[in-house]
């Protein structure tokens, strides 16, 4: 296969990213790997190309660190993206929201053109346009998500705060990595107005009920085509535990990871969302689960797969690449009809 990964910028990628894990695994399995930055696309009279960095199977790279070194040392070359078997969008729109606000939307538009030409694009670019912020979760069954408001009005937040017994989480509607996430309670409610104003500078504010189970962290749970990834009785998942008084369970914010206990209740929530995920073309996603609620559905670049492989000693990335190969074969048959 020829697999192109669409990322923010090559110099911002690291050896510990899930994208690197998937790309290295694809390379080691004999596939051609290409990286496309959000500023690398090219279009001319329905011809869609990109200035790509490529890693070929005969380079035989064995480590993530070496893979990233070679990738950064490789000069970009322009090539048609219609040659790709799959274009995998693995960028984070939030990273470019301030400095390059045009980047994510443009990439999705180019990806939509490719999809229309029969190229397999994951996750589906048209659905990703709708899912570019946390409101996407509100399209799913009410029973699987926390009570939520979205507003930029302080009075709305105060009303919600009182309804939730003065205990809520506030965060940006469009955010990632645990940045600007705040727990507001009766002990620090004097900071409520200031917190709302700070978040609202960059857009809408999300208020969510606080779930007591959040004190023990959350579970990052991976789905492939709507189904849990299961090998030898082990699910691709990790339990992320925050440190000290930290309320955020993001690995980027210092959380540790450990084996997760996957309950029948969690699997029941997956059953309630999988059909819509499949319809929306959300092929690879990461759920953030606290107690009996899904807090977020990460559809762009869910991470922590490296930690899942290290803790559980299973080749989840190889499983994903093999399933992707099957999906490419099906897509080619459909395109030929």
Protein backbone atom coordinates (compact mmCIF):
# COMPACT_ATOMS: atom_id res chain seq x y z
CA UNK A 1 0.00 0.00 0.00
CA UNK A 2 0.86 3.64 -0.41
CA UNK A 3 -0.21 5.31 2.83
CA UNK A 4 -0.10 9.08 3.24
CA UNK A 5 -0.40 10.58 6.72
CA UNK A 6 -1.65 14.16 6.87
CA UNK A 7 -0.06 15.86 9.88
CA UNK A 8 0.33 19.44 11.11
CA UNK A 9 4.06 19.83 10.49
CA UNK A 10 6.86 17.26 10.36
CA UNK A 11 9.07 19.07 12.87
CA UNK A 12 6.28 18.89 15.46
CA UNK A 13 5.95 15.10 15.23
CA UNK A 14 7.70 12.94 17.84
CA UNK A 15 8.73 9.31 18.14
CA UNK A 16 6.06 8.78 20.82
CA UNK A 17 3.12 9.91 18.69
CA UNK A 18 0.54 7.32 17.68
CA UNK A 19 0.99 8.51 14.09
CA UNK A 20 4.68 7.57 14.26
CA UNK A 21 3.81 4.15 15.67
CA UNK A 22 1.33 3.47 12.86
CA UNK A 23 3.63 4.82 10.15
CA UNK A 24 6.63 2.83 11.38
CA UNK A 25 4.54 -0.33 11.60
CA UNK A 26 3.25 0.19 8.05
CA UNK A 27 6.85 0.72 6.89
CA UNK A 28 8.05 -2.45 8.61
CA UNK A 29 5.20 -4.40 7.03
CA UNK A 30 6.46 -3.40 3.57
CA UNK A 31 4.22 -0.45 2.74
CA UNK A 32 5.27 2.91 1.28
CA UNK A 33 4.78 5.72 3.81
CA UNK A 34 4.27 9.38 2.93
CA UNK A 35 3.89 12.43 5.19
CA UNK A 36 1.93 15.52 4.12
CA UNK A 37 1.94 18.72 6.16
CA UNK A 38 -1.13 20.94 6.17
CA UNK A 39 0.73 23.48 4.02
CA UNK A 40 1.93 20.91 1.47
CA UNK A 41 -1.11 20.41 -0.80
CA UNK A 42 -1.17 21.43 -4.47
CA UNK A 43 -4.19 21.80 -6.79
CA UNK A 44 -4.41 22.61 -10.50
CA UNK A 45 -7.40 21.97 -12.78
CA UNK A 46 -8.72 19.01 -10.77
CA UNK A 47 -5.18 17.63 -10.33
CA UNK A 48 -4.51 17.14 -6.62
CA UNK A 49 -0.95 16.67 -5.44
CA UNK A 50 1.23 17.40 -2.45
CA UNK A 51 4.85 18.05 -1.58
CA UNK A 52 5.48 14.87 0.39
CA UNK A 53 8.23 13.29 2.43
CA UNK A 54 8.45 9.57 1.78
CA UNK A 55 9.95 6.51 3.47
CA UNK A 56 10.35 3.41 1.32
CA UNK A 57 10.28 -0.22 2.53
CA UNK A 58 13.88 -0.85 1.41
CA UNK A 59 15.14 1.70 3.95
CA UNK A 60 14.35 -0.90 6.62
CA UNK A 61 14.04 1.36 9.66
CA UNK A 62 13.70 -0.39 13.01
CA UNK A 63 13.04 2.33 15.58
CA UNK A 64 10.66 5.25 15.93
CA UNK A 65 13.56 7.63 16.66
CA UNK A 66 15.40 6.61 13.50
CA UNK A 67 12.18 6.77 11.49
CA UNK A 68 11.66 10.40 12.52
CA UNK A 69 15.30 11.26 11.78
CA UNK A 70 15.08 9.86 8.25
CA UNK A 71 11.72 11.52 7.66
CA UNK A 72 13.02 14.97 8.63
CA UNK A 73 16.18 14.51 6.53
CA UNK A 74 14.17 13.56 3.42
CA UNK A 75 13.54 16.30 0.87
CA UNK A 76 9.96 16.90 -0.20
CA UNK A 77 8.89 15.82 -3.66
CA UNK A 78 5.66 16.69 -5.44
CA UNK A 79 3.46 13.76 -6.42
CA UNK A 80 -0.14 13.10 -7.33
CA UNK A 81 -2.27 12.08 -4.37
CA UNK A 82 -4.53 10.06 -6.64
CA UNK A 83 -1.72 7.48 -6.59
CA UNK A 84 -2.29 6.90 -2.87
CA UNK A 85 -4.16 3.86 -1.64
CA UNK A 86 -5.17 5.68 1.52
CA UNK A 87 -4.84 9.20 2.87
CA UNK A 88 -5.01 9.13 6.65
CA UNK A 89 -5.77 12.45 8.33
CA UNK A 90 -3.86 12.54 11.60
CA UNK A 91 -3.57 16.25 12.36
CA UNK A 92 -4.83 18.31 15.29
CA UNK A 93 -6.83 21.38 14.13
CA UNK A 94 -6.31 23.10 17.48
CA UNK A 95 -2.52 23.31 17.05
CA UNK A 96 -2.93 25.68 14.09
CA UNK A 97 -6.02 27.53 15.26
CA UNK A 98 -4.13 30.73 16.10
CA UNK A 99 -1.02 30.81 13.90
CA UNK A 100 -2.48 29.13 10.78
CA UNK A 101 -6.29 29.33 11.03
CA UNK A 102 -6.62 28.40 7.34
CA UNK A 103 -4.69 25.15 7.60
CA UNK A 104 -7.15 22.56 8.89
CA UNK A 105 -10.12 23.72 6.82
CA UNK A 106 -8.03 23.75 3.65
CA UNK A 107 -6.72 20.22 4.29
CA UNK A 108 -10.26 18.92 4.74
CA UNK A 109 -11.30 20.54 1.47
CA UNK A 110 -8.42 18.94 -0.44
CA UNK A 111 -9.25 15.61 1.21
CA UNK A 112 -12.88 15.93 0.11
CA UNK A 113 -11.71 16.35 -3.48
CA UNK A 114 -9.65 13.17 -3.14
CA UNK A 115 -12.57 11.27 -1.67
CA UNK A 116 -14.71 12.33 -4.64
CA UNK A 117 -12.04 10.89 -6.95
CA UNK A 118 -12.28 7.50 -5.26
CA UNK A 119 -9.24 7.72 -2.98
CA UNK A 120 -9.82 6.17 0.45
CA UNK A 121 -9.63 9.01 2.98
CA UNK A 122 -9.86 8.31 6.70
CA UNK A 123 -11.41 9.59 8.74
CA UNK A 124 -14.06 10.85 6.31
CA UNK A 125 -13.23 14.52 5.53
CA UNK A 126 -16.84 15.63 5.18
CA UNK A 127 -17.74 14.24 8.59
CA UNK A 128 -14.55 15.63 10.13
CA UNK A 129 -15.69 19.08 9.07
CA UNK A 130 -18.73 18.59 11.32
CA UNK A 131 -16.69 17.03 14.08
CA UNK A 132 -14.03 19.71 14.35
CA UNK A 133 -15.03 20.52 17.93
CA UNK A 134 -16.58 18.87 20.98
CA UNK A 135 -20.16 19.49 19.81
CA UNK A 136 -19.86 16.30 17.77
CA UNK A 137 -20.51 14.30 20.92
CA UNK A 138 -23.94 15.93 21.21
CA UNK A 139 -25.05 14.09 18.05
CA UNK A 140 -24.99 10.79 19.95
CA UNK A 141 -27.40 9.14 22.37
CA UNK A 142 -28.01 11.33 25.41
CA UNK A 143 -27.54 8.41 27.80
CA UNK A 144 -23.82 8.03 27.00
CA UNK A 145 -22.73 11.66 27.47
CA UNK A 146 -22.50 14.09 30.40
CA UNK A 147 -24.90 17.01 30.92
CA UNK A 148 -23.45 19.82 28.83
CA UNK A 149 -23.97 23.45 27.84
CA UNK A 150 -22.18 25.44 25.14
CA UNK A 151 -22.22 29.22 25.44
CA UNK A 152 -20.19 32.42 25.62
CA UNK A 153 -22.63 34.01 28.07
CA UNK A 154 -21.52 34.23 31.69
CA UNK A 155 -25.06 34.16 33.08
CA UNK A 156 -25.66 30.84 31.29
CA UNK A 157 -22.63 29.36 33.00
CA UNK A 158 -23.72 30.66 36.41
CA UNK A 159 -27.15 29.07 35.95
CA UNK A 160 -25.57 25.73 34.94
CA UNK A 161 -23.14 25.96 37.87
CA UNK A 162 -26.03 26.27 40.31
CA UNK A 163 -27.98 23.45 38.66
CA UNK A 164 -24.96 21.17 39.05
CA UNK A 165 -24.57 21.88 42.78
CA UNK A 166 -21.67 24.23 42.17
CA UNK A 167 -19.39 21.62 40.67
CA UNK A 168 -18.61 21.74 36.93
CA UNK A 169 -15.85 21.40 34.36
CA UNK A 170 -15.18 24.29 31.98
CA UNK A 171 -13.12 23.99 28.80
CA UNK A 172 -12.89 25.36 25.25
CA UNK A 173 -15.36 23.99 22.72
CA UNK A 174 -12.43 23.63 20.34
CA UNK A 175 -9.51 22.30 22.32
CA UNK A 176 -7.20 19.34 22.77
CA UNK A 177 -4.50 17.95 25.00
CA UNK A 178 -6.20 19.11 28.21
CA UNK A 179 -5.35 22.76 27.62
CA UNK A 180 -7.52 25.30 29.49
CA UNK A 181 -9.61 22.71 31.35
CA UNK A 182 -10.83 23.92 34.75
CA UNK A 183 -12.72 22.43 37.67
CA UNK A 184 -14.98 25.04 39.28
CA UNK A 185 -16.48 24.32 42.68
CA UNK A 186 -17.80 26.21 45.71
CA UNK A 187 -14.24 26.73 46.98
CA UNK A 188 -12.98 28.56 43.88
CA UNK A 189 -16.22 29.96 42.45
CA UNK A 190 -14.83 33.46 42.81
CA UNK A 191 -12.75 32.61 39.72
CA UNK A 192 -15.77 31.63 37.61
CA UNK A 193 -16.20 34.90 35.72
CA UNK A 194 -12.47 35.23 35.07
CA UNK A 195 -12.31 31.62 33.83
CA UNK A 196 -15.26 32.01 31.47
CA UNK A 197 -13.79 35.22 30.04
CA UNK A 198 -10.39 33.59 29.52
CA UNK A 199 -11.81 30.59 27.63
CA UNK A 200 -14.29 32.74 25.66
CA UNK A 201 -11.47 34.83 24.19
CA UNK A 202 -10.81 31.97 21.77
CA UNK A 203 -14.41 30.91 21.12
CA UNK A 204 -17.25 29.06 22.79
CA UNK A 205 -17.13 27.62 26.29
CA UNK A 206 -18.24 24.10 27.18
CA UNK A 207 -19.64 23.44 30.65
CA UNK A 208 -20.02 19.82 31.73
CA UNK A 209 -21.25 18.09 34.84
CA UNK A 210 -18.46 16.76 37.01
CA UNK A 211 -18.43 13.00 37.38
CA UNK A 212 -16.95 11.79 40.71
CA UNK A 213 -15.23 8.90 38.90
CA UNK A 214 -13.03 11.51 37.17
CA UNK A 215 -10.98 11.71 40.35
CA UNK A 216 -9.57 8.30 39.39
CA UNK A 217 -8.70 9.27 35.79
CA UNK A 218 -10.27 8.16 32.54
CA UNK A 219 -10.01 5.40 29.96
CA UNK A 220 -8.76 6.01 26.42
CA UNK A 221 -10.54 3.32 24.40
CA UNK A 222 -9.79 2.78 20.71
CA UNK A 223 -12.34 1.79 18.06
CA UNK A 224 -11.71 0.64 14.50
CA UNK A 225 -14.67 0.93 12.16
CA UNK A 226 -16.99 1.17 15.16
CA UNK A 227 -15.63 -1.94 16.89
CA UNK A 228 -13.27 -2.32 19.87
CA UNK A 229 -9.76 -3.46 18.94
CA UNK A 230 -9.35 -6.82 20.66
CA UNK A 231 -6.31 -9.14 20.54
CA UNK A 232 -5.91 -12.22 22.73
CA UNK A 233 -8.68 -11.01 25.02
CA UNK A 234 -7.05 -7.59 25.48
CA UNK A 235 -8.68 -4.36 24.36
CA UNK A 236 -6.65 -1.49 22.89
CA UNK A 237 -7.15 0.86 25.82
CA UNK A 238 -5.32 2.51 28.69
CA UNK A 239 -6.37 3.91 32.04
CA UNK A 240 -4.92 7.40 32.34
CA UNK A 241 -4.39 8.61 35.90
CA UNK A 242 -3.72 12.26 36.68
CA UNK A 243 -1.03 13.30 39.14
CA UNK A 244 -1.58 15.04 42.47
CA UNK A 245 -4.28 17.71 42.38
CA UNK A 246 -4.30 17.77 38.56
CA UNK A 247 -7.81 17.26 37.13
CA UNK A 248 -6.68 16.45 33.57
CA UNK A 249 -5.94 12.87 32.52
CA UNK A 250 -4.01 13.76 29.37
CA UNK A 251 -0.59 12.15 28.99
CA UNK A 252 0.69 15.53 27.72
CA UNK A 253 -0.27 16.97 31.11
CA UNK A 254 1.73 14.41 33.08
CA UNK A 255 -0.81 11.63 33.53
CA UNK A 256 0.48 8.10 33.94
CA UNK A 257 -0.97 5.10 32.13
CA UNK A 258 -1.89 1.66 33.35
CA UNK A 259 -3.98 -1.31 32.30
CA UNK A 260 -7.67 -0.48 32.01
CA UNK A 261 -10.58 -2.56 33.29
CA UNK A 262 -13.12 -2.71 30.47
CA UNK A 263 -16.64 -3.10 31.83
CA UNK A 264 -19.74 -4.47 30.15
CA UNK A 265 -21.19 -0.98 30.65
CA UNK A 266 -18.44 0.58 28.54
CA UNK A 267 -18.95 -1.98 25.79
CA UNK A 268 -22.67 -1.23 25.94
CA UNK A 269 -21.96 2.46 25.30
CA UNK A 270 -19.88 1.47 22.27
CA UNK A 271 -22.89 -0.42 20.90
CA UNK A 272 -24.93 2.79 21.14
CA UNK A 273 -22.48 4.86 19.10
CA UNK A 274 -20.90 2.46 16.62
CA UNK A 275 -23.56 2.62 13.87
CA UNK A 276 -23.31 6.40 13.64
CA UNK A 277 -19.51 6.29 13.68
CA UNK A 278 -19.59 3.85 10.77
CA UNK A 279 -22.12 5.97 8.85
CA UNK A 280 -19.97 9.05 9.42
CA UNK A 281 -16.84 7.27 8.17
CA UNK A 282 -15.07 7.66 11.52
CA UNK A 283 -12.79 4.69 10.94
CA UNK A 284 -10.28 5.15 13.79
CA UNK A 285 -11.32 6.99 16.94
CA UNK A 286 -10.38 7.23 20.59
CA UNK A 287 -13.04 7.50 23.27
CA UNK A 288 -12.41 9.26 26.60
CA UNK A 289 -14.55 7.43 29.14
CA UNK A 290 -15.27 8.38 32.75
CA UNK A 291 -17.57 6.08 34.70
CA UNK A 292 -20.69 5.49 32.61
CA UNK A 293 -20.21 8.45 30.28
CA UNK A 294 -18.18 9.16 27.15
CA UNK A 295 -16.60 12.56 27.73
CA UNK A 296 -15.11 13.00 24.26
CA UNK A 297 -14.90 11.23 20.90
CA UNK A 298 -11.45 11.97 19.47
CA UNK A 299 -11.72 11.71 15.69
CA UNK A 300 -8.67 13.54 14.36
CA UNK A 301 -5.49 12.23 16.00
CA UNK A 302 -6.25 10.13 19.10
CA UNK A 303 -3.08 9.21 20.95
CA UNK A 304 -1.85 6.77 23.63
CA UNK A 305 -1.70 3.70 21.39
CA UNK A 306 2.04 3.43 22.16
CA UNK A 307 1.22 3.13 25.85
CA UNK A 308 -1.47 0.51 25.17
CA UNK A 309 1.03 -1.63 23.25
CA UNK A 310 3.71 -1.27 25.92
CA UNK A 311 1.38 -2.11 28.81
CA UNK A 312 -0.54 -4.95 27.17
CA UNK A 313 2.30 -6.38 25.00
CA UNK A 314 0.06 -6.70 21.94
CA UNK A 315 0.62 -5.55 18.36
CA UNK A 316 -2.41 -3.27 18.03
CA UNK A 317 -0.73 -1.16 15.34
CA UNK A 318 -0.07 -4.22 13.15
CA UNK A 319 -3.69 -5.29 13.58
CA UNK A 320 -4.84 -1.80 12.49
CA UNK A 321 -2.59 -1.75 9.40
CA UNK A 322 -3.76 -5.21 8.32
CA UNK A 323 -7.41 -4.18 8.69
CA UNK A 324 -6.65 -1.03 6.70
CA UNK A 325 -5.17 -3.17 3.92
CA UNK A 326 -8.46 -5.09 3.77
CA UNK A 327 -10.41 -1.83 3.64
CA UNK A 328 -8.23 -0.55 0.78
CA UNK A 329 -8.91 -3.72 -1.20
CA UNK A 330 -12.66 -3.29 -0.72
CA UNK A 331 -12.45 0.38 -1.71
CA UNK A 332 -10.62 -0.50 -4.94
CA UNK A 333 -13.31 -3.03 -5.90
CA UNK A 334 -16.02 -0.43 -5.29
CA UNK A 335 -14.13 2.20 -7.30
CA UNK A 336 -13.82 -0.15 -10.28
CA UNK A 337 -17.58 -0.72 -10.53
